[in-house]
N, C-alpha and C. Protein backbone atom coordinates (compact mmCIF):
# COMPACT_ATOMS: atom_id res chain seq x y z
N MET A 1 110.06 89.41 117.65
CA MET A 1 109.54 90.38 116.70
C MET A 1 108.78 91.45 117.47
N SER A 2 108.74 92.63 116.96
CA SER A 2 108.05 93.72 117.64
C SER A 2 106.54 93.55 117.55
N ASP A 3 105.84 94.40 118.27
CA ASP A 3 104.38 94.33 118.25
C ASP A 3 103.80 95.52 117.50
N ASP A 4 104.45 95.92 116.41
CA ASP A 4 103.99 97.06 115.63
C ASP A 4 102.70 96.77 114.88
N GLY A 5 102.38 95.51 114.61
CA GLY A 5 101.15 95.15 113.91
C GLY A 5 101.29 95.21 112.40
N TYR A 6 100.15 95.44 111.74
CA TYR A 6 100.09 95.43 110.29
C TYR A 6 100.53 96.76 109.70
N LYS A 7 101.14 96.68 108.52
CA LYS A 7 101.48 97.88 107.76
C LYS A 7 101.01 97.71 106.33
N VAL A 8 100.50 98.78 105.75
CA VAL A 8 100.07 98.81 104.36
C VAL A 8 101.12 99.61 103.59
N ILE A 9 101.68 98.99 102.56
CA ILE A 9 102.76 99.60 101.81
C ILE A 9 102.34 99.70 100.35
N SER A 10 102.37 100.89 99.79
CA SER A 10 102.07 101.09 98.37
C SER A 10 103.37 101.08 97.58
N VAL A 11 103.36 100.35 96.45
CA VAL A 11 104.55 100.23 95.63
C VAL A 11 104.15 100.53 94.18
N GLU A 12 104.95 101.35 93.51
CA GLU A 12 104.69 101.66 92.10
C GLU A 12 104.69 100.38 91.27
N ASP A 13 104.06 100.42 90.13
CA ASP A 13 103.88 99.26 89.26
C ASP A 13 105.19 98.91 88.54
N ASP A 14 106.12 98.35 89.29
CA ASP A 14 107.43 97.97 88.78
C ASP A 14 107.88 96.74 89.56
N PRO A 15 108.07 95.60 88.91
CA PRO A 15 108.46 94.38 89.63
C PRO A 15 109.74 94.53 90.45
N LYS A 16 110.70 95.33 89.98
CA LYS A 16 111.93 95.53 90.75
C LYS A 16 111.64 96.26 92.06
N LEU A 17 110.75 97.26 92.01
CA LEU A 17 110.39 97.98 93.23
C LEU A 17 109.62 97.08 94.18
N LEU A 18 108.78 96.22 93.63
CA LEU A 18 108.05 95.26 94.47
C LEU A 18 109.03 94.33 95.17
N GLN A 19 110.00 93.81 94.43
CA GLN A 19 111.00 92.92 95.03
C GLN A 19 111.77 93.62 96.14
N GLU A 20 112.14 94.88 95.92
CA GLU A 20 112.84 95.64 96.96
C GLU A 20 111.98 95.79 98.21
N ALA A 21 110.68 96.07 98.03
CA ALA A 21 109.78 96.21 99.17
C ALA A 21 109.66 94.89 99.92
N LEU A 22 109.54 93.78 99.20
CA LEU A 22 109.43 92.48 99.85
C LEU A 22 110.72 92.12 100.58
N ASP A 23 111.86 92.43 99.97
CA ASP A 23 113.15 92.20 100.63
C ASP A 23 113.26 93.01 101.92
N GLN A 24 112.81 94.26 101.89
CA GLN A 24 112.89 95.12 103.06
C GLN A 24 112.01 94.58 104.19
N ILE A 25 110.82 94.11 103.84
CA ILE A 25 109.93 93.52 104.85
C ILE A 25 110.63 92.34 105.52
N SER A 26 111.26 91.49 104.72
CA SER A 26 111.97 90.34 105.26
C SER A 26 113.13 90.77 106.16
N GLU A 27 113.90 91.75 105.72
CA GLU A 27 115.02 92.25 106.53
C GLU A 27 114.54 92.83 107.85
N ASP A 28 113.35 93.41 107.85
CA ASP A 28 112.78 94.00 109.07
C ASP A 28 112.01 92.98 109.90
N GLN A 29 112.15 91.71 109.54
CA GLN A 29 111.51 90.59 110.23
C GLN A 29 109.99 90.65 110.17
N GLY A 30 109.48 91.18 109.09
CA GLY A 30 108.04 91.18 108.87
C GLY A 30 107.62 89.95 108.08
N VAL A 31 106.32 89.73 108.06
CA VAL A 31 105.74 88.62 107.30
C VAL A 31 104.75 89.22 106.31
N VAL A 32 104.91 88.87 105.03
CA VAL A 32 103.98 89.35 104.01
C VAL A 32 102.67 88.59 104.15
N VAL A 33 101.59 89.32 104.31
CA VAL A 33 100.26 88.73 104.43
C VAL A 33 99.64 88.58 103.04
N THR A 34 99.71 89.64 102.24
CA THR A 34 99.15 89.59 100.89
C THR A 34 99.77 90.67 100.02
N VAL A 35 99.73 90.44 98.70
CA VAL A 35 100.14 91.43 97.71
C VAL A 35 99.01 91.51 96.69
N VAL A 36 98.54 92.72 96.44
CA VAL A 36 97.45 92.94 95.49
C VAL A 36 97.94 93.93 94.43
N TRP A 37 97.70 93.60 93.17
CA TRP A 37 98.00 94.53 92.10
C TRP A 37 96.70 95.24 91.73
N GLN A 38 96.76 96.56 91.58
CA GLN A 38 95.59 97.34 91.20
C GLN A 38 95.88 98.05 89.88
N PRO A 39 94.94 97.96 88.93
CA PRO A 39 95.12 98.64 87.65
C PRO A 39 94.93 100.15 87.80
N ALA A 40 95.34 100.90 86.78
CA ALA A 40 95.07 102.34 86.78
C ALA A 40 93.56 102.53 86.83
N ARG A 41 93.11 103.55 87.54
CA ARG A 41 91.68 103.74 87.76
C ARG A 41 91.39 105.17 88.16
N GLN A 42 90.12 105.49 88.26
CA GLN A 42 89.67 106.78 88.79
C GLN A 42 89.19 106.54 90.22
N VAL A 43 89.62 107.37 91.15
CA VAL A 43 89.16 107.27 92.53
C VAL A 43 88.50 108.58 92.93
N THR A 44 87.50 108.48 93.78
CA THR A 44 86.81 109.66 94.27
C THR A 44 87.05 109.79 95.77
N VAL A 45 87.58 110.93 96.16
CA VAL A 45 87.85 111.22 97.56
C VAL A 45 87.23 112.57 97.87
N ALA A 46 86.36 112.58 98.87
CA ALA A 46 85.68 113.82 99.28
C ALA A 46 85.01 114.51 98.10
N GLY A 47 84.39 113.70 97.24
CA GLY A 47 83.65 114.26 96.11
C GLY A 47 84.48 114.66 94.92
N GLU A 48 85.79 114.49 94.99
CA GLU A 48 86.68 114.88 93.89
C GLU A 48 87.27 113.62 93.24
N THR A 49 87.11 113.49 91.93
CA THR A 49 87.61 112.32 91.21
C THR A 49 88.99 112.63 90.63
N LYS A 50 89.91 111.68 90.87
CA LYS A 50 91.29 111.84 90.40
C LYS A 50 91.77 110.53 89.82
N PRO A 51 92.74 110.58 88.90
CA PRO A 51 93.30 109.33 88.39
C PRO A 51 94.27 108.73 89.42
N ALA A 52 94.30 107.41 89.48
CA ALA A 52 95.26 106.71 90.34
C ALA A 52 96.04 105.75 89.44
N ASN A 53 97.35 105.76 89.57
CA ASN A 53 98.21 104.89 88.77
C ASN A 53 98.09 103.44 89.21
N SER A 54 98.45 102.53 88.33
CA SER A 54 98.48 101.12 88.71
C SER A 54 99.64 100.91 89.68
N GLY A 55 99.55 99.86 90.45
CA GLY A 55 100.61 99.55 91.41
C GLY A 55 100.21 98.44 92.34
N TYR A 56 101.08 98.17 93.28
CA TYR A 56 100.89 97.09 94.24
C TYR A 56 100.54 97.65 95.62
N VAL A 57 99.74 96.90 96.34
CA VAL A 57 99.49 97.16 97.75
C VAL A 57 99.96 95.92 98.50
N VAL A 58 100.87 96.11 99.43
CA VAL A 58 101.43 95.01 100.20
C VAL A 58 100.99 95.18 101.65
N ILE A 59 100.46 94.09 102.23
CA ILE A 59 100.12 94.09 103.65
C ILE A 59 101.16 93.23 104.33
N ALA A 60 101.81 93.78 105.35
CA ALA A 60 102.83 93.05 106.10
C ALA A 60 102.48 93.09 107.58
N ASP A 61 102.82 92.01 108.27
CA ASP A 61 102.58 91.91 109.71
C ASP A 61 103.91 91.93 110.43
N TYR A 62 104.06 92.89 111.31
CA TYR A 62 105.28 93.00 112.12
C TYR A 62 105.01 92.62 113.57
N GLY A 63 103.86 92.02 113.85
CA GLY A 63 103.50 91.70 115.23
C GLY A 63 103.37 90.23 115.52
N LEU A 64 103.71 89.36 114.55
CA LEU A 64 103.61 87.93 114.81
C LEU A 64 104.68 87.50 115.80
N GLU A 65 104.32 86.56 116.64
CA GLU A 65 105.27 86.02 117.61
C GLU A 65 106.19 85.02 116.91
N GLU A 66 107.43 84.95 117.35
CA GLU A 66 108.34 83.96 116.82
C GLU A 66 107.82 82.57 117.20
N PRO A 67 107.91 81.60 116.29
CA PRO A 67 107.46 80.25 116.64
C PRO A 67 108.31 79.65 117.75
N ASP A 68 107.67 78.86 118.59
CA ASP A 68 108.38 78.18 119.66
C ASP A 68 109.18 77.03 119.07
N PRO A 69 110.50 77.04 119.16
CA PRO A 69 111.31 76.00 118.52
C PRO A 69 111.08 74.62 119.13
N ARG A 70 110.45 74.56 120.29
CA ARG A 70 110.19 73.26 120.93
C ARG A 70 108.99 72.56 120.34
N HIS A 71 108.25 73.23 119.44
CA HIS A 71 107.04 72.60 118.87
C HIS A 71 107.19 72.36 117.41
């Protein structure tokens, strides 16, 4: 596996899109660390408040070493 490390992936609030993202991580030999669903909310960035849609945040690790088959 590569040593790219962790990636944060935002996915719209749709189970089919989440499944596609998880499938892609698997195809790319990544490991899903966690999936968090966030409700619609207001966020403030640099003093400006904006609406944020609900959706998923997926953390994937692309830097894990392959397990040693001898163990």
